[in-house]
Structures are given as C-alpha cells and as structure tokens.
Protein backbone atom coordinates (compact mmCIF):
# COMPACT_ATOMS: atom_id res chain seq x y z
CA MET A 1 80.23 103.79 87.49
CA THR A 2 78.82 107.22 88.34
CA ALA A 3 80.71 107.78 91.59
CA CYS A 4 83.88 109.86 91.80
CA PHE A 5 86.79 107.62 92.68
CA LEU A 6 88.60 110.46 94.47
CA CYS A 7 85.82 111.40 96.89
CA GLY A 8 83.39 108.47 96.56
CA LYS A 9 80.34 110.70 96.05
CA ASP A 10 77.89 110.35 93.17
CA ILE A 11 78.49 112.64 90.22
CA GLU A 12 75.54 114.75 89.16
CA GLY A 13 75.59 116.26 85.71
CA LYS A 14 78.62 116.02 83.46
CA ILE A 15 81.09 113.26 84.30
CA THR A 16 84.77 114.03 83.74
CA LYS A 17 87.50 111.39 83.59
CA GLU A 18 90.69 111.44 85.67
CA HIS A 19 93.88 109.67 84.58
CA ILE A 20 94.85 106.89 86.98
CA PHE A 21 98.44 107.72 86.06
CA GLY A 22 98.82 111.46 85.62
CA ASP A 23 99.29 112.77 82.10
CA ALA A 24 102.52 114.54 83.07
CA PHE A 25 103.91 111.35 84.64
CA LEU A 26 103.11 109.35 81.49
CA GLY A 27 104.86 112.00 79.40
CA GLU A 28 107.92 111.98 81.67
CA TYR A 29 108.40 108.23 81.11
CA ASN A 30 107.28 108.13 77.46
CA LEU A 31 104.23 106.01 78.27
CA LYS A 32 101.36 107.90 76.66
CA GLU A 33 101.16 105.62 73.62
CA LYS A 34 102.31 102.43 75.36
CA LYS A 35 99.71 99.74 75.87
CA MET A 36 98.73 97.49 78.75
CA ASN A 37 97.49 93.96 78.17
CA TYR A 38 94.62 93.20 80.55
CA GLY A 39 93.56 89.73 79.55
CA GLY A 40 93.50 87.77 76.30
CA LYS A 41 94.13 90.02 73.32
CA ALA A 42 92.61 93.10 74.95
CA GLU A 43 94.93 96.10 75.13
CA ILE A 44 94.49 99.67 76.26
CA GLU A 45 96.84 102.63 76.16
CA TYR A 46 97.98 103.89 79.57
CA SER A 47 96.74 107.35 78.62
CA ARG A 48 93.22 105.89 78.32
CA LEU A 49 93.21 104.42 81.81
CA LYS A 50 90.69 106.86 83.25
CA VAL A 51 87.92 106.76 85.85
CA PRO A 52 84.96 109.03 86.65
CA ALA A 53 85.64 112.08 88.81
CA HIS A 54 84.00 115.37 89.71
CA HIS A 55 85.34 118.29 87.72
CA SER A 56 86.64 119.94 90.90
CA CYS A 57 88.29 116.73 92.14
CA ASN A 58 89.88 116.22 88.75
CA SER A 59 91.03 119.64 87.63
CA GLU A 60 91.76 121.12 91.05
CA THR A 61 92.64 118.59 93.76
CA GLY A 62 93.87 115.92 91.37
CA SER A 63 95.96 118.29 89.27
CA ARG A 64 97.70 119.85 92.26
CA PHE A 65 98.47 116.44 93.66
CA GLU A 66 99.89 115.12 90.36
CA GLU A 67 102.12 118.18 89.97
CA TYR A 68 103.49 117.64 93.47
CA ILE A 69 104.06 113.93 92.85
CA LEU A 70 105.94 114.62 89.63
CA SER A 71 108.20 117.13 91.37
CA ILE A 72 109.18 114.43 93.88
CA ILE A 73 109.61 111.71 91.25
CA LYS A 74 111.91 113.87 89.14
CA ASN A 75 114.26 114.24 92.13
CA ILE A 76 114.31 110.66 93.41
CA SER A 77 117.74 109.89 91.93
CA LEU A 78 119.16 112.93 93.74
CA ASN A 79 117.72 111.86 97.10
CA LEU A 80 118.31 108.11 97.32
CA ASP A 81 119.44 108.44 100.94
CA VAL A 82 115.97 109.72 101.82
CA MET A 83 114.22 107.03 99.76
CA ARG A 84 116.16 104.25 101.47
CA GLU A 85 114.92 105.26 104.90
CA LEU A 86 111.20 105.33 104.06
CA HIS A 87 110.68 101.97 105.79
CA THR A 88 112.82 102.60 108.88
CA PRO A 89 111.07 103.15 112.23
CA GLN A 90 112.88 106.40 113.05
CA HIS A 91 112.99 108.02 109.63
CA SER A 92 113.73 111.73 109.26
CA LYS A 93 111.07 114.40 108.91
CA THR A 94 111.95 114.72 105.23
CA ALA A 95 111.51 110.97 104.68
CA ALA A 96 108.21 111.07 106.61
CA CYS A 97 106.87 113.80 104.30
CA VAL A 98 108.01 111.98 101.17
CA LYS A 99 106.52 108.71 102.42
CA GLU A 100 103.19 110.40 103.12
CA VAL A 101 102.91 111.72 99.57
CA LEU A 102 104.12 108.54 97.86
CA CYS A 103 101.73 106.40 99.90
CA GLN A 104 98.88 108.67 98.87
CA TRP A 105 99.97 108.32 95.23
CA LEU A 106 99.85 104.54 95.53
CA VAL A 107 96.43 104.85 97.17
CA LYS A 108 95.21 106.87 94.19
CA ILE A 109 96.45 104.12 91.86
CA TYR A 110 94.93 101.46 94.13
CA LEU A 111 91.53 103.17 94.13
CA GLY A 112 91.70 104.14 90.47
CA LEU A 113 92.38 100.61 89.29
CA SER A 114 89.58 99.31 91.52
CA TYR A 115 87.03 101.70 90.01
CA TRP A 116 88.35 101.06 86.51
CA GLU A 117 87.96 97.30 86.85
CA LEU A 118 84.51 97.72 88.33
CA SER A 119 83.49 99.69 85.25
CA ARG A 120 84.48 96.87 82.88
CA ILE A 121 81.29 95.36 81.46
CA ASN A 122 82.79 92.02 80.39
CA HIS A 123 85.23 91.44 83.22
CA PRO A 124 86.82 87.96 82.89
CA ASN A 125 86.62 87.36 86.64
CA LYS A 126 83.20 88.27 88.06
CA GLU A 127 84.13 86.96 91.51
CA TYR A 128 87.06 89.37 91.68
CA GLN A 129 84.86 92.20 90.43
CA HIS A 130 82.43 91.46 93.27
CA LEU A 131 85.33 91.63 95.73
CA LEU A 132 86.27 95.06 94.37
CA ASN A 133 82.72 96.26 94.96
CA GLU A 134 83.11 95.29 98.61
CA VAL A 135 86.55 96.92 98.82
CA ILE A 136 85.34 100.37 97.77
CA GLN A 137 82.63 100.29 100.45
CA THR A 138 84.97 99.69 103.40
CA PRO A 139 85.69 102.34 106.07
CA LEU A 140 89.31 102.40 104.86
CA THR A 141 88.27 103.42 101.35
CA GLY A 142 86.01 106.10 102.81
CA TYR A 143 88.90 107.48 104.85
CA LEU A 144 91.28 107.48 101.89
CA GLN A 145 88.75 109.32 99.74
CA THR A 146 88.19 111.88 102.49
CA CYS A 147 91.93 112.56 102.50
CA PHE A 148 91.81 113.33 98.78
CA SER A 149 88.61 115.34 98.68
CA ASN A 150 89.54 117.52 101.69
CA GLU A 151 93.28 117.53 100.91
CA TYR A 152 94.05 116.24 104.39
CA THR A 153 97.46 115.05 105.51
CA PHE A 154 97.69 111.34 104.76
CA ASN A 155 98.38 109.62 108.08
CA CYS A 156 97.07 106.10 107.54
CA PRO A 157 99.82 103.88 109.04
CA SER A 158 101.27 101.95 106.10
CA SER A 159 104.54 100.31 105.13
CA LEU A 160 106.45 101.60 102.10
CA TYR A 161 109.73 100.43 100.57
CA TYR A 162 111.91 101.91 97.88
CA PHE A 163 114.20 99.69 95.82
CA SER A 164 116.73 100.77 93.24
CA VAL A 165 116.63 98.60 90.11
CA PRO A 166 119.52 98.41 87.60
CA TYR A 167 118.00 99.68 84.40
CA ASP A 168 118.94 99.43 80.74
CA SER A 169 116.41 101.40 78.69
CA ASP A 170 116.99 99.17 75.65
CA HIS A 171 116.30 95.84 77.35
CA ASP A 172 114.75 96.17 80.81
CA ILE A 173 111.13 96.66 81.83
CA ASN A 174 110.41 100.38 82.00
CA PHE A 175 106.98 100.42 83.62
CA ASP A 176 105.02 97.93 85.67
CA PHE A 177 102.42 98.06 88.42
CA ALA A 178 99.88 95.92 90.24
CA THR A 179 97.58 95.92 93.25
CA ARG A 180 96.61 93.08 95.56
CA HIS A 181 93.58 93.69 97.74
CA ASP A 182 93.92 90.82 100.20
CA VAL A 183 97.14 92.39 101.52
CA GLY A 184 96.41 96.04 100.71
CA GLY A 185 99.30 95.75 98.31
CA ALA A 186 100.36 98.19 95.60
CA TYR A 187 103.58 98.57 93.68
CA ILE A 188 104.84 100.63 90.77
CA LYS A 189 108.09 100.39 88.85
CA PHE A 190 109.14 103.27 86.63
CA GLY A 191 112.61 103.22 85.11
CA PRO A 192 115.15 102.38 87.85
CA HIS A 193 112.72 103.04 90.70
CA LEU A 194 110.45 100.58 92.52
CA LEU A 195 107.94 101.43 95.25
CA VAL A 196 106.22 98.60 97.16
CA ALA A 197 103.52 99.25 99.75
CA THR A 198 101.18 97.45 102.10
CA LEU A 199 98.50 100.01 102.83
CA ALA A 200 96.80 100.34 106.22
CA ASP A 201 98.92 97.56 107.75
CA ALA A 202 99.61 99.62 110.92
CA ARG A 203 103.27 99.57 109.83
CA LEU A 204 103.51 95.99 111.02
CA VAL A 205 105.27 94.80 107.87
CA GLU A 206 108.09 97.24 108.61
CA HIS A 207 108.75 95.38 111.87
CA TRP A 208 109.28 91.97 110.28
CA PHE A 209 110.60 93.15 106.91
CA ASN A 210 113.34 95.09 108.71
CA ASP A 211 116.41 96.91 107.45
CA SER A 212 118.54 93.75 107.41
CA LEU A 213 116.07 91.93 105.15
CA TYR A 214 115.65 95.07 103.06
CA GLU A 215 119.39 95.22 102.36
CA SER A 216 119.46 91.51 101.49
CA VAL A 217 116.60 91.85 98.99
CA GLN A 218 118.09 95.03 97.50
CA THR A 219 121.40 93.18 96.95
CA LEU A 220 119.53 90.26 95.40
CA ILE A 221 117.78 92.55 92.91
CA THR A 222 121.06 94.24 92.01
CA ASN A 223 122.82 90.93 91.40
CA GLU A 224 120.00 89.15 89.55
CA THR A 225 118.67 91.87 87.23
CA GLU A 226 121.25 91.29 84.49
CA SER A 227 120.08 87.69 84.05
CA ASP A 228 116.43 88.30 84.99
CA ALA A 229 114.76 91.53 83.90
CA ALA A 230 111.88 90.86 86.31
CA ALA A 231 114.11 90.30 89.35
CA TYR A 232 112.54 93.33 91.04
CA LEU A 233 109.41 91.20 91.56
CA LEU A 234 111.37 89.34 94.23
CA ALA A 235 111.06 92.48 96.35
CA VAL A 236 107.32 92.71 95.74
CA GLY A 237 106.88 89.03 96.55
CA HIS A 238 108.79 89.29 99.84
CA VAL A 239 106.99 92.40 101.09
CA TRP A 240 103.56 91.01 100.26
CA ALA A 241 104.43 87.58 101.67
CA VAL A 242 105.40 89.16 105.00
CA ARG A 243 102.02 90.92 105.01
CA GLU A 244 100.24 87.60 104.42
CA TYR A 245 102.08 85.88 107.27
CA LEU A 246 102.04 88.64 109.86
CA PRO A 247 101.71 87.01 113.30
CA ILE A 248 99.70 90.10 114.36
CA GLU A 249 96.79 91.34 112.28
CA PRO A 250 96.34 95.11 111.80
CA LYS A 251 93.48 96.54 113.85
CA LEU A 252 92.61 100.07 112.75
CA GLU A 253 89.44 101.93 113.62
CA PHE A 254 88.57 104.88 111.37
CA THR A 255 86.67 107.63 113.14
CA GLU A 256 85.63 111.00 111.75
CA ASN A 257 88.72 112.75 113.10
CA SER A 258 91.34 110.09 113.71
CA ILE A 259 92.64 106.57 113.24
CA ILE A 260 92.86 104.40 116.35
CA ASP A 261 95.50 101.65 116.14
CA THR A 262 95.09 98.77 118.62
CA SER A 263 97.12 96.24 116.63
CA ARG A 264 99.83 95.86 119.26
CA ASP A 265 97.59 95.80 122.33
CA GLY A 266 98.28 92.76 124.50
CA TYR A 267 101.76 92.10 123.08
CA ASP A 268 104.81 92.85 125.22
CA LEU A 269 107.08 91.18 122.67
CA ALA A 270 106.47 90.76 118.95
CA PRO A 271 105.79 87.09 118.02
CA GLU A 272 108.11 85.30 115.61
CA ILE A 273 107.13 85.18 111.96
CA ASP A 274 107.30 81.93 109.96
CA GLY A 275 110.35 82.78 107.87
CA LYS A 276 110.34 79.60 105.80
CA ALA A 277 106.68 80.06 104.89
CA VAL A 278 107.35 83.69 103.97
CA ASN A 279 110.20 82.71 101.66
CA ARG A 280 108.12 80.02 99.94
CA ARG A 281 105.21 82.40 99.47
CA ALA A 282 107.50 85.16 98.19
CA ILE A 283 108.73 82.90 95.39
CA GLU A 284 105.15 81.85 94.58
CA LEU A 285 104.02 85.48 94.34
CA ARG A 286 107.02 86.38 92.22
CA ASN A 287 106.29 83.51 89.82
CA GLU A 288 102.61 84.46 89.61
CA MET A 289 103.49 88.01 88.65
CA VAL A 290 106.26 87.14 86.20
CA GLU A 291 103.85 84.99 84.16
CA ARG A 292 102.35 88.21 82.83
CA PHE A 293 105.49 88.81 80.78
CA LEU A 294 105.62 85.39 79.10
CA GLY A 295 105.17 85.73 75.39
CA GLN A 296 105.34 89.52 75.55
CA PRO A 297 108.17 91.57 73.98
C-alpha cells in the first residue's frame, strides 16, 4: 500500500507509518508490548500496528487528533453522565461534541485496520481482502478521509453508544476491538469503557436501539460480567444486529460540501423492527466474537 490512509492520496517519496492506536493511548493502557493474535499462530504487538501516511498527516494532523482523543479518554470516568447520552436524540451540546470526536476516532481505527489488512501479503481470507479494497474506494471513505486531511468537523450521521463495563484488572479483558464492514460497525473496549458504533447509518440505529433497550443491555452487562468476562460483547451484538435488521436502509449522498440524508423520505411513521430476529442475531454475533478468546489466556 502506497496510499495514505488518512487522506487517501498516493504518497510520493518517503513513506511514514502512523499508529492505528496512538502511541500515547497504548502507553496509557499499558498496551505497547501486548500482542494481538490475527490468525493461526501469527501475533503482532499493538505498537506495530501501523499503516502508511504522509508525514504531514502523521506528525501534524494525526498527532493533534490523538492528543485531543487522549484528553477526552482520560476524563471519561469523570463525565459518565455525558457519555450515557451520546445515543439520545436530544443530547446536549457537550455530548454532541464528544460524540463527534469519538466517532472520528472509531473511523480512524476502521480505516486503519482496513488499510493494514489490505497490506497483508498472505491474508488468510482473500475474499474479505477484496471486499476491503472495495470499501476504501467508496464515497463514504473519501468523505471520511477528507474530514481528516482538512481537519473538518465530523458530521457524518452515525450512531454511537457508551457502555460501562465492570472491570477487574487482574482477571477481566483490558483491551479489545473489531470492525464489521457490512454494518459499518466498530467497537473498542479499554479498561471499564466500551464504545460501539454503526458509522454512516443516518442515526437510524439510535431510533430502534432506544434508551429503554440501552438501559436493559447496560444492566445485563453489569450483572453478567462477573461470570462472563466477555459479557460486554452482548452490547456489541445487539447494536450491530439492530443495524442488520433496520426496516429502513440508510440513504446518504456525499457531495463536495455536504451530506444529504434521504433515509426517512416517504415514511410518516417508523416501521416496526423484527425484535425476535434481532435478539437471535445478537446472540449469534456475540458467540462469533467470543470464539476469539477460546484457548487464549
């Protein structure tokens, strides 16, 4: 790969590498020397998860963004009231600003992992690698990269949820993340914090995964974590399952200066979602993801 993952443009001359997870973030959570298993016996340290980037995108735009992200992350525990309203329709201006930045962080991870997997020479799933090549050429990817390269305000309508996870540093899972391109999904768990997003969904997931369901899933995580260290994946499964079964598909048009959302055109009332199908799929997704931990310490 010779294209910059932050702006999408080809890199001429010296290629620098940008951390998918910022160096300061990895240091904050003692992850620099921790390793990720990415198939078979292959392992790589989180600090070596890097992708090509222009020097200016890396050392200037990227560095400023990572510093800002870390300042927010360090204060999450002091602002849980703000975090718990990220998904609500009428969230405060403070929550709107925090959501904007956190969504952009998840987008950076989403794009970074896509470019990283595309750069793998012996990828175990060539069909998936081909899908990723299509993903990075979509208008959405172009818009997201424009936001980074020009440091624009991130205003792509997306759904984002924060969940608090009971956490014992001696026994529980400290760090976990994944993306899922068919639903624009991205999540990251660090310590007691879990962020789950469906990117560019026109905020439709927030309508059906409403505050009542959010509270139910948060309670479930709180009650189940002691007996199941991966209980937080129930939240990921439910959010992504709702995205899969949306009765209205997102319709976003990306122009040079704006995003036009016509997703709700023609609907006076929101259709019902298939709740039973969502619940079944949520459990399936949770089980798929938890398999990654089998046989691992």
